[in-house]
PDB file of N, CA and C in Angstrom:
ATOM      1  N   MET A   1      -6.394 -16.565   4.380  1.00  0.00           N
ATOM      2  CA  MET A   1      -5.865 -16.568   2.877  1.00  0.00           C
ATOM      3  C   MET A   1      -4.419 -15.872   3.058  1.00  0.00           C
ATOM      4  N   THR A   2      -3.453 -16.435   2.467  1.00  0.00           N
ATOM      5  CA  THR A   2      -2.167 -15.823   2.437  1.00  0.00           C
ATOM      6  C   THR A   2      -1.708 -15.445   0.953  1.00  0.00           C
ATOM      7  N   ILE A   3      -1.393 -14.204   0.819  1.00  0.00           N
ATOM      8  CA  ILE A   3      -0.933 -13.752  -0.486  1.00  0.00           C
ATOM      9  C   ILE A   3       0.549 -13.388  -0.490  1.00  0.00           C
ATOM     10  N   LYS A   4       1.244 -13.841  -1.377  1.00  0.00           N
ATOM     11  CA  LYS A   4       2.739 -13.606  -1.509  1.00  0.00           C
ATOM     12  C   LYS A   4       2.983 -13.075  -2.876  1.00  0.00           C
ATOM     13  N   PRO A   5       3.286 -11.766  -3.049  1.00  0.00           N
ATOM     14  CA  PRO A   5       3.664 -11.139  -4.289  1.00  0.00           C
ATOM     15  C   PRO A   5       4.804 -11.768  -4.919  1.00  0.00           C
ATOM     16  N   ILE A   6       4.750 -11.862  -6.221  1.00  0.00           N
ATOM     17  CA  ILE A   6       5.816 -12.523  -6.999  1.00  0.00           C
ATOM     18  C   ILE A   6       6.658 -11.467  -7.649  1.00  0.00           C
ATOM     19  N   GLY A   7       7.951 -11.527  -7.487  1.00  0.00           N
ATOM     20  CA  GLY A   7       8.912 -10.588  -8.006  1.00  0.00           C
ATOM     21  C   GLY A   7       9.018  -9.332  -7.188  1.00  0.00           C
ATOM     22  N   GLU A   8       9.409  -8.282  -7.809  1.00  0.00           N
ATOM     23  CA  GLU A   8       9.534  -6.945  -6.955  1.00  0.00           C
ATOM     24  C   GLU A   8       8.375  -6.313  -6.850  1.00  0.00           C
ATOM     25  N   ARG A   9       7.322  -6.869  -6.183  1.00  0.00           N
ATOM     26  CA  ARG A   9       6.057  -6.231  -5.945  1.00  0.00           C
ATOM     27  C   ARG A   9       5.779  -6.253  -4.488  1.00  0.00           C
ATOM     28  N   VAL A  10       4.928  -5.272  -4.014  1.00  0.00           N
ATOM     29  CA  VAL A  10       4.478  -5.207  -2.683  1.00  0.00           C
ATOM     30  C   VAL A  10       2.946  -5.073  -2.591  1.00  0.00           C
ATOM     31  N   LEU A  11       2.367  -5.797  -1.699  1.00  0.00           N
ATOM     32  CA  LEU A  11       0.896  -5.748  -1.485  1.00  0.00           C
ATOM     33  C   LEU A  11       0.717  -4.697  -0.361  1.00  0.00           C
ATOM     34  N   ILE A  12      -0.196  -3.699  -0.644  1.00  0.00           N
ATOM     35  CA  ILE A  12      -0.355  -2.552   0.254  1.00  0.00           C
ATOM     36  C   ILE A  12      -1.763  -2.422   0.576  1.00  0.00           C
ATOM     37  N   LYS A  13      -2.142  -2.248   1.903  1.00  0.00           N
ATOM     38  CA  LYS A  13      -3.373  -1.857   2.391  1.00  0.00           C
ATOM     39  C   LYS A  13      -3.518  -0.369   2.351  1.00  0.00           C
ATOM     40  N   VAL A  14      -4.437  -0.011   1.549  1.00  0.00           N
ATOM     41  CA  VAL A  14      -4.547   1.594   1.207  1.00  0.00           C
ATOM     42  C   VAL A  14      -5.167   2.253   2.424  1.00  0.00           C
ATOM     43  N   LYS A  15      -4.437   3.280   2.813  1.00  0.00           N
ATOM     44  CA  LYS A  15      -4.939   4.132   4.060  1.00  0.00           C
ATOM     45  C   LYS A  15      -5.891   5.221   3.511  1.00  0.00           C
ATOM     46  N   LYS A  16      -7.006   5.100   4.122  1.00  0.00           N
ATOM     47  CA  LYS A  16      -8.085   6.045   3.728  1.00  0.00           C
ATOM     48  C   LYS A  16      -8.275   7.010   4.770  1.00  0.00           C
ATOM     49  N   GLU A  17      -8.398   8.357   4.468  1.00  0.00           N
ATOM     50  CA  GLU A  17      -8.764   9.342   5.525  1.00  0.00           C
ATOM     51  C   GLU A  17     -10.374   9.434   5.500  1.00  0.00           C
ATOM     52  N   GLU A  18     -10.913   9.105   6.595  1.00  0.00           N
ATOM     53  CA  GLU A  18     -12.391   9.139   6.678  1.00  0.00           C
ATOM     54  C   GLU A  18     -12.836  10.386   7.369  1.00  0.00           C
ATOM     55  N   LYS A  19     -11.914  11.063   8.107  1.00  0.00           N
ATOM     56  CA  LYS A  19     -12.287  12.298   8.792  1.00  0.00           C
ATOM     57  C   LYS A  19     -11.158  13.180   8.810  1.00  0.00           C
ATOM     58  N   THR A  20     -11.458  14.502   8.906  1.00  0.00           N
ATOM     59  CA  THR A  20     -10.414  15.557   8.934  1.00  0.00           C
ATOM     60  C   THR A  20      -9.702  15.546  10.331  1.00  0.00           C
ATOM     61  N   SER A  21      -8.576  16.272  10.437  1.00  0.00           N
ATOM     62  CA  SER A  21      -8.053  16.490  11.781  1.00  0.00           C
ATOM     63  C   SER A  21      -8.943  17.154  12.765  1.00  0.00           C
ATOM     64  N   GLY A  22      -9.860  17.950  12.294  1.00  0.00           N
ATOM     65  CA  GLY A  22     -10.904  18.582  13.116  1.00  0.00           C
ATOM     66  C   GLY A  22     -12.018  17.663  13.579  1.00  0.00           C
ATOM     67  N   GLY A  23     -12.191  16.494  13.009  1.00  0.00           N
ATOM     68  CA  GLY A  23     -13.140  15.472  13.252  1.00  0.00           C
ATOM     69  C   GLY A  23     -14.296  15.486  12.492  1.00  0.00           C
ATOM     70  N   VAL A  24     -14.306  16.205  11.251  1.00  0.00           N
ATOM     71  CA  VAL A  24     -15.224  16.228  10.331  1.00  0.00           C
ATOM     72  C   VAL A  24     -15.241  15.058   9.494  1.00  0.00           C
ATOM     73  N   TYR A  25     -16.284  14.222   9.296  1.00  0.00           N
ATOM     74  CA  TYR A  25     -16.304  13.040   8.445  1.00  0.00           C
ATOM     75  C   TYR A  25     -16.325  13.423   7.032  1.00  0.00           C
ATOM     76  N   ILE A  26     -15.609  12.752   6.157  1.00  0.00           N
ATOM     77  CA  ILE A  26     -15.591  13.050   4.688  1.00  0.00           C
ATOM     78  C   ILE A  26     -16.266  11.883   4.031  1.00  0.00           C
ATOM     79  N   PRO A  27     -17.345  12.329   3.243  1.00  0.00           N
ATOM     80  CA  PRO A  27     -18.021  11.209   2.491  1.00  0.00           C
ATOM     81  C   PRO A  27     -17.122  10.414   1.505  1.00  0.00           C
ATOM     82  N   GLU A  28     -17.418   9.166   1.431  1.00  0.00           N
ATOM     83  CA  GLU A  28     -16.544   8.325   0.431  1.00  0.00           C
ATOM     84  C   GLU A  28     -16.425   8.915  -0.907  1.00  0.00           C
ATOM     85  N   SER A  29     -17.477   9.569  -1.414  1.00  0.00           N
ATOM     86  CA  SER A  29     -17.459  10.167  -2.723  1.00  0.00           C
ATOM     87  C   SER A  29     -16.452  11.322  -2.825  1.00  0.00           C
ATOM     88  N   ALA A  30     -16.199  11.945  -1.683  1.00  0.00           N
ATOM     89  CA  ALA A  30     -15.285  13.170  -1.750  1.00  0.00           C
ATOM     90  C   ALA A  30     -13.851  12.766  -1.290  1.00  0.00           C
ATOM     91  N   GLN A  31     -13.601  11.535  -0.891  1.00  0.00           N
ATOM     92  CA  GLN A  31     -12.222  11.099  -0.412  1.00  0.00           C
ATOM     93  C   GLN A  31     -11.284  11.004  -1.644  1.00  0.00           C
ATOM     94  N   SER A  32     -10.169  11.562  -1.483  1.00  0.00           N
ATOM     95  CA  SER A  32      -9.190  11.391  -2.475  1.00  0.00           C
ATOM     96  C   SER A  32      -8.089  10.407  -1.968  1.00  0.00           C
ATOM     97  N   GLU A  33      -7.474   9.734  -3.037  1.00  0.00           N
ATOM     98  CA  GLU A  33      -6.519   8.681  -2.769  1.00  0.00           C
ATOM     99  C   GLU A  33      -5.191   9.505  -2.315  1.00  0.00           C
ATOM    100  N   ASN A  34      -4.682   9.234  -1.091  1.00  0.00           N
ATOM    101  CA  ASN A  34      -3.549  10.031  -0.707  1.00  0.00           C
ATOM    102  C   ASN A  34      -2.242   9.400  -0.823  1.00  0.00           C
ATOM    103  N   LYS A  35      -2.223   8.160  -1.470  1.00  0.00           N
ATOM    104  CA  LYS A  35      -0.992   7.459  -1.891  1.00  0.00           C
ATOM    105  C   LYS A  35      -0.159   7.015  -0.660  1.00  0.00           C
ATOM    106  N   GLU A  36      -0.872   6.727   0.390  1.00  0.00           N
ATOM    107  CA  GLU A  36      -0.229   6.128   1.589  1.00  0.00           C
ATOM    108  C   GLU A  36      -0.823   4.745   1.965  1.00  0.00           C
ATOM    109  N   GLY A  37      -0.091   3.933   2.488  1.00  0.00           N
ATOM    110  CA  GLY A  37      -0.631   2.612   2.838  1.00  0.00           C
ATOM    111  C   GLY A  37       0.461   1.819   3.715  1.00  0.00           C
ATOM    112  N   TYR A  38      -0.134   0.654   4.060  1.00  0.00           N
ATOM    113  CA  TYR A  38       0.753  -0.228   4.946  1.00  0.00           C
ATOM    114  C   TYR A  38       1.019  -1.445   4.120  1.00  0.00           C
ATOM    115  N   VAL A  39       2.265  -1.866   4.301  1.00  0.00           N
ATOM    116  CA  VAL A  39       2.694  -3.110   3.711  1.00  0.00           C
ATOM    117  C   VAL A  39       2.052  -4.358   4.358  1.00  0.00           C
ATOM    118  N   VAL A  40       1.435  -5.148   3.413  1.00  0.00           N
ATOM    119  CA  VAL A  40       0.843  -6.361   3.898  1.00  0.00           C
ATOM    120  C   VAL A  40       1.676  -7.611   3.618  1.00  0.00           C
ATOM    121  N   ALA A  41       2.308  -7.617   2.412  1.00  0.00           N
ATOM    122  CA  ALA A  41       3.126  -8.718   1.952  1.00  0.00           C
ATOM    123  C   ALA A  41       4.186  -8.247   1.007  1.00  0.00           C
ATOM    124  N   VAL A  42       5.253  -8.931   0.977  1.00  0.00           N
ATOM    125  CA  VAL A  42       6.439  -8.460   0.168  1.00  0.00           C
ATOM    126  C   VAL A  42       6.979  -9.539  -0.669  1.00  0.00           C
ATOM    127  N   GLY A  43       7.384  -9.299  -1.927  1.00  0.00           N
ATOM    128  CA  GLY A  43       8.009 -10.285  -2.797  1.00  0.00           C
ATOM    129  C   GLY A  43       9.500 -10.314  -2.564  1.00  0.00           C
ATOM    130  N   THR A  44      10.259 -10.715  -3.522  1.00  0.00           N
ATOM    131  CA  THR A  44      11.677 -10.784  -3.466  1.00  0.00           C
ATOM    132  C   THR A  44      12.270 -10.300  -4.754  1.00  0.00           C
ATOM    133  N   TYR A  45      13.595 -10.005  -4.693  1.00  0.00           N
ATOM    134  CA  TYR A  45      14.314  -9.689  -5.935  1.00  0.00           C
ATOM    135  C   TYR A  45      14.497 -11.023  -6.687  1.00  0.00           C
ATOM    136  N   GLU A  46      14.890 -10.967  -7.964  1.00  0.00           N
ATOM    137  CA  GLU A  46      15.103 -12.146  -8.847  1.00  0.00           C
ATOM    138  C   GLU A  46      16.131 -13.199  -8.099  1.00  0.00           C
ATOM    139  N   ASP A  47      17.134 -12.636  -7.499  1.00  0.00           N
ATOM    140  CA  ASP A  47      18.053 -13.565  -6.901  1.00  0.00           C
ATOM    141  C   ASP A  47      17.647 -14.253  -5.465  1.00  0.00           C
ATOM    142  N   GLY A  48      16.346 -13.773  -5.140  1.00  0.00           N
ATOM    143  CA  GLY A  48      15.622 -14.325  -3.957  1.00  0.00           C
ATOM    144  C   GLY A  48      15.997 -13.482  -2.628  1.00  0.00           C
ATOM    145  N   SER A  49      16.798 -12.459  -2.731  1.00  0.00           N
ATOM    146  CA  SER A  49      17.118 -11.658  -1.582  1.00  0.00           C
ATOM    147  C   SER A  49      15.827 -10.682  -1.285  1.00  0.00           C
ATOM    148  N   GLU A  50      15.826 -10.372  -0.102  1.00  0.00           N
ATOM    149  CA  GLU A  50      14.636  -9.584   0.342  1.00  0.00           C
ATOM    150  C   GLU A  50      14.691  -8.106  -0.075  1.00  0.00           C
ATOM    151  N   LEU A  51      13.398  -7.584  -0.226  1.00  0.00           N
ATOM    152  CA  LEU A  51      13.160  -6.165  -0.538  1.00  0.00           C
ATOM    153  C   LEU A  51      13.364  -5.270   0.667  1.00  0.00           C
ATOM    154  N   PRO A  52      13.646  -3.995   0.428  1.00  0.00           N
ATOM    155  CA  PRO A  52      13.992  -3.127   1.529  1.00  0.00           C
ATOM    156  C   PRO A  52      12.759  -2.596   2.477  1.00  0.00           C
ATOM    157  N   VAL A  53      11.670  -3.224   2.177  1.00  0.00           N
ATOM    158  CA  VAL A  53      10.386  -2.956   3.059  1.00  0.00           C
ATOM    159  C   VAL A  53       9.954  -4.228   3.815  1.00  0.00           C
ATOM    160  N   ASN A  54       9.178  -4.057   4.811  1.00  0.00           N
ATOM    161  CA  ASN A  54       8.800  -5.166   5.603  1.00  0.00           C
ATOM    162  C   ASN A  54       7.191  -5.032   5.860  1.00  0.00           C
ATOM    163  N   GLU A  55       6.713  -6.223   6.239  1.00  0.00           N
ATOM    164  CA  GLU A  55       5.210  -6.250   6.572  1.00  0.00           C
ATOM    165  C   GLU A  55       5.031  -5.163   7.758  1.00  0.00           C
ATOM    166  N   GLY A  56       3.998  -4.342   7.667  1.00  0.00           N
ATOM    167  CA  GLY A  56       3.689  -3.436   8.736  1.00  0.00           C
ATOM    168  C   GLY A  56       4.308  -2.014   8.508  1.00  0.00           C
ATOM    169  N   ASP A  57       5.198  -1.891   7.548  1.00  0.00           N
ATOM    170  CA  ASP A  57       5.856  -0.554   7.245  1.00  0.00           C
ATOM    171  C   ASP A  57       4.710   0.382   6.639  1.00  0.00           C
ATOM    172  N   LYS A  58       4.744   1.551   6.979  1.00  0.00           N
ATOM    173  CA  LYS A  58       3.967   2.690   6.429  1.00  0.00           C
ATOM    174  C   LYS A  58       4.664   3.223   5.307  1.00  0.00           C
ATOM    175  N   ILE A  59       4.144   3.331   4.186  1.00  0.00           N
ATOM    176  CA  ILE A  59       4.843   3.788   2.963  1.00  0.00           C
ATOM    177  C   ILE A  59       4.153   4.827   2.147  1.00  0.00           C
ATOM    178  N   ILE A  60       4.746   5.573   1.295  1.00  0.00           N
ATOM    179  CA  ILE A  60       4.231   6.489   0.406  1.00  0.00           C
ATOM    180  C   ILE A  60       4.657   5.970  -0.879  1.00  0.00           C
ATOM    181  N   TYR A  61       3.653   5.849  -1.848  1.00  0.00           N
ATOM    182  CA  TYR A  61       3.921   5.375  -3.129  1.00  0.00           C
ATOM    183  C   TYR A  61       3.360   6.323  -4.319  1.00  0.00           C
ATOM    184  N   GLY A  62       3.886   6.086  -5.410  1.00  0.00           N
ATOM    185  CA  GLY A  62       3.606   6.869  -6.536  1.00  0.00           C
ATOM    186  C   GLY A  62       3.227   5.943  -7.743  1.00  0.00           C
ATOM    187  N   GLY A  63       3.310   6.437  -8.918  1.00  0.00           N
ATOM    188  CA  GLY A  63       3.032   5.665 -10.105  1.00  0.00           C
ATOM    189  C   GLY A  63       1.637   5.623 -10.496  1.00  0.00           C
ATOM    190  N   TYR A  64       1.266   5.149 -11.575  1.00  0.00           N
ATOM    191  CA  TYR A  64       0.049   5.152 -12.122  1.00  0.00           C
ATOM    192  C   TYR A  64      -0.616   3.797 -12.244  1.00  0.00           C
ATOM    193  N   GLN A  65       0.284   2.756 -12.397  1.00  0.00           N
ATOM    194  CA  GLN A  65      -0.136   1.404 -12.682  1.00  0.00           C
ATOM    195  C   GLN A  65      -0.150   0.612 -11.395  1.00  0.00           C
ATOM    196  N   THR A  66      -1.358   0.311 -10.854  1.00  0.00           N
ATOM    197  CA  THR A  66      -1.532  -0.602  -9.860  1.00  0.00           C
ATOM    198  C   THR A  66      -2.643  -1.565 -10.113  1.00  0.00           C
ATOM    199  N   ASP A  67      -2.593  -2.805  -9.430  1.00  0.00           N
ATOM    200  CA  ASP A  67      -3.642  -3.748  -9.573  1.00  0.00           C
ATOM    201  C   ASP A  67      -4.273  -3.797  -8.248  1.00  0.00           C
ATOM    202  N   GLU A  68      -5.647  -3.482  -8.252  1.00  0.00           N
ATOM    203  CA  GLU A  68      -6.438  -3.439  -7.075  1.00  0.00           C
ATOM    204  C   GLU A  68      -7.142  -4.821  -6.730  1.00  0.00           C
ATOM    205  N   ILE A  69      -7.092  -5.144  -5.509  1.00  0.00           N
ATOM    206  CA  ILE A  69      -7.913  -6.308  -5.069  1.00  0.00           C
ATOM    207  C   ILE A  69      -8.760  -5.975  -3.788  1.00  0.00           C
ATOM    208  N   ASP A  70      -9.647  -6.644  -3.526  1.00  0.00           N
ATOM    209  CA  ASP A  70     -10.573  -6.453  -2.261  1.00  0.00           C
ATOM    210  C   ASP A  70     -10.234  -7.674  -1.433  1.00  0.00           C
ATOM    211  N   ILE A  71      -9.858  -7.340  -0.185  1.00  0.00           N
ATOM    212  CA  ILE A  71      -9.562  -8.557   0.880  1.00  0.00           C
ATOM    213  C   ILE A  71     -10.308  -8.084   2.053  1.00  0.00           C
ATOM    214  N   ASP A  72     -11.230  -8.958   2.406  1.00  0.00           N
ATOM    215  CA  ASP A  72     -12.192  -8.742   3.552  1.00  0.00           C
ATOM    216  C   ASP A  72     -12.892  -7.343   3.576  1.00  0.00           C
ATOM    217  N   GLY A  73     -13.225  -6.917   2.323  1.00  0.00           N
ATOM    218  CA  GLY A  73     -14.012  -5.667   2.213  1.00  0.00           C
ATOM    219  C   GLY A  73     -13.036  -4.429   2.335  1.00  0.00           C
ATOM    220  N   GLU A  74     -11.757  -4.647   2.279  1.00  0.00           N
ATOM    221  CA  GLU A  74     -10.880  -3.441   2.257  1.00  0.00           C
ATOM    222  C   GLU A  74     -10.011  -3.534   1.080  1.00  0.00           C
ATOM    223  N   LYS A  75      -9.734  -2.248   0.543  1.00  0.00           N
ATOM    224  CA  LYS A  75      -8.971  -2.154  -0.759  1.00  0.00           C
ATOM    225  C   LYS A  75      -7.505  -2.419  -0.470  1.00  0.00           C
ATOM    226  N   HIS A  76      -6.951  -3.196  -1.323  1.00  0.00           N
ATOM    227  CA  HIS A  76      -5.494  -3.449  -1.302  1.00  0.00           C
ATOM    228  C   HIS A  76      -5.033  -3.238  -2.740  1.00  0.00           C
ATOM    229  N   ILE A  77      -3.705  -2.970  -2.861  1.00  0.00           N
ATOM    230  CA  ILE A  77      -3.203  -2.813  -4.178  1.00  0.00           C
ATOM    231  C   ILE A  77      -1.801  -3.429  -4.278  1.00  0.00           C
ATOM    232  N   PHE A  78      -1.416  -3.890  -5.462  1.00  0.00           N
ATOM    233  CA  PHE A  78       0.005  -4.350  -5.755  1.00  0.00           C
ATOM    234  C   PHE A  78       0.722  -3.221  -6.393  1.00  0.00           C
ATOM    235  N   VAL A  79       1.829  -2.956  -5.882  1.00  0.00           N
ATOM    236  CA  VAL A  79       2.743  -1.888  -6.371  1.00  0.00           C
ATOM    237  C   VAL A  79       4.069  -2.379  -6.718  1.00  0.00           C
ATOM    238  N   ASP A  80       4.611  -1.973  -7.841  1.00  0.00           N
ATOM    239  CA  ASP A  80       6.040  -2.287  -7.967  1.00  0.00           C
ATOM    240  C   ASP A  80       6.926  -1.582  -7.050  1.00  0.00           C
ATOM    241  N   LEU A  81       8.148  -2.325  -6.687  1.00  0.00           N
ATOM    242  CA  LEU A  81       9.032  -1.678  -5.773  1.00  0.00           C
ATOM    243  C   LEU A  81       9.494  -0.311  -6.283  1.00  0.00           C
ATOM    244  N   LYS A  82       9.678  -0.186  -7.530  1.00  0.00           N
ATOM    245  CA  LYS A  82      10.177   1.095  -8.112  1.00  0.00           C
ATOM    246  C   LYS A  82       9.208   2.237  -7.792  1.00  0.00           C
ATOM    247  N   ASP A  83       7.919   1.884  -7.481  1.00  0.00           N
ATOM    248  CA  ASP A  83       6.938   3.072  -7.315  1.00  0.00           C
ATOM    249  C   ASP A  83       6.750   3.272  -5.901  1.00  0.00           C
ATOM    250  N   ILE A  84       7.467   2.731  -4.995  1.00  0.00           N
ATOM    251  CA  ILE A  84       7.546   3.083  -3.648  1.00  0.00           C
ATOM    252  C   ILE A  84       8.558   4.216  -3.359  1.00  0.00           C
ATOM    253  N   LEU A  85       7.984   5.270  -2.981  1.00  0.00           N
ATOM    254  CA  LEU A  85       8.782   6.542  -2.842  1.00  0.00           C
ATOM    255  C   LEU A  85       9.535   6.725  -1.396  1.00  0.00           C
ATOM    256  N   ALA A  86       8.852   6.298  -0.466  1.00  0.00           N
ATOM    257  CA  ALA A  86       9.425   6.410   0.914  1.00  0.00           C
ATOM    258  C   ALA A  86       8.760   5.534   1.948  1.00  0.00           C
ATOM    259  N   LYS A  87       9.615   5.351   2.933  1.00  0.00           N
ATOM    260  CA  LYS A  87       9.013   4.620   4.162  1.00  0.00           C
ATOM    261  C   LYS A  87       8.894   5.555   5.272  1.00  0.00           C
ATOM    262  N   VAL A  88       7.681   5.734   5.940  1.00  0.00           N
ATOM    263  CA  VAL A  88       7.409   6.679   6.833  1.00  0.00           C
ATOM    264  C   VAL A  88       7.727   6.133   8.199  1.00  0.00           C
ATOM    265  N   GLU A  89       8.685   6.868   8.904  1.00  0.00           N
ATOM    266  CA  GLU A  89       9.112   6.450  10.183  1.00  0.00           C
ATOM    267  C   GLU A  89       8.570   7.475  11.214  1.00  0.00           C
ATOM    268  N   GLU A  90       7.655   7.016  12.124  1.00  0.00           N
ATOM    269  CA  GLU A  90       7.082   8.052  13.138  1.00  0.00           C
ATOM    270  C   GLU A  90       7.754   7.918  14.461  1.00  0.00           C
TER     271      GLU A  90
END
């Protein structure tokens, strides 16, 4: 299945922390959303030009309005470009 966001939206695979840096596993009920994820698909500006993020980029996002979908058992969300705060470069 191929998903292409329409407009200035980005599809993100949400990054979940399942264990601490010390190796202790965190139960799903105690995991908090850390607002980080990986870009899966990218829309375009109204004029058809590309957005400043690419597939595979690790990003930090904010905002309160997201649309959540489940793809192959994993949580994905659509985020407006204006809600992307930063691209993480390691």
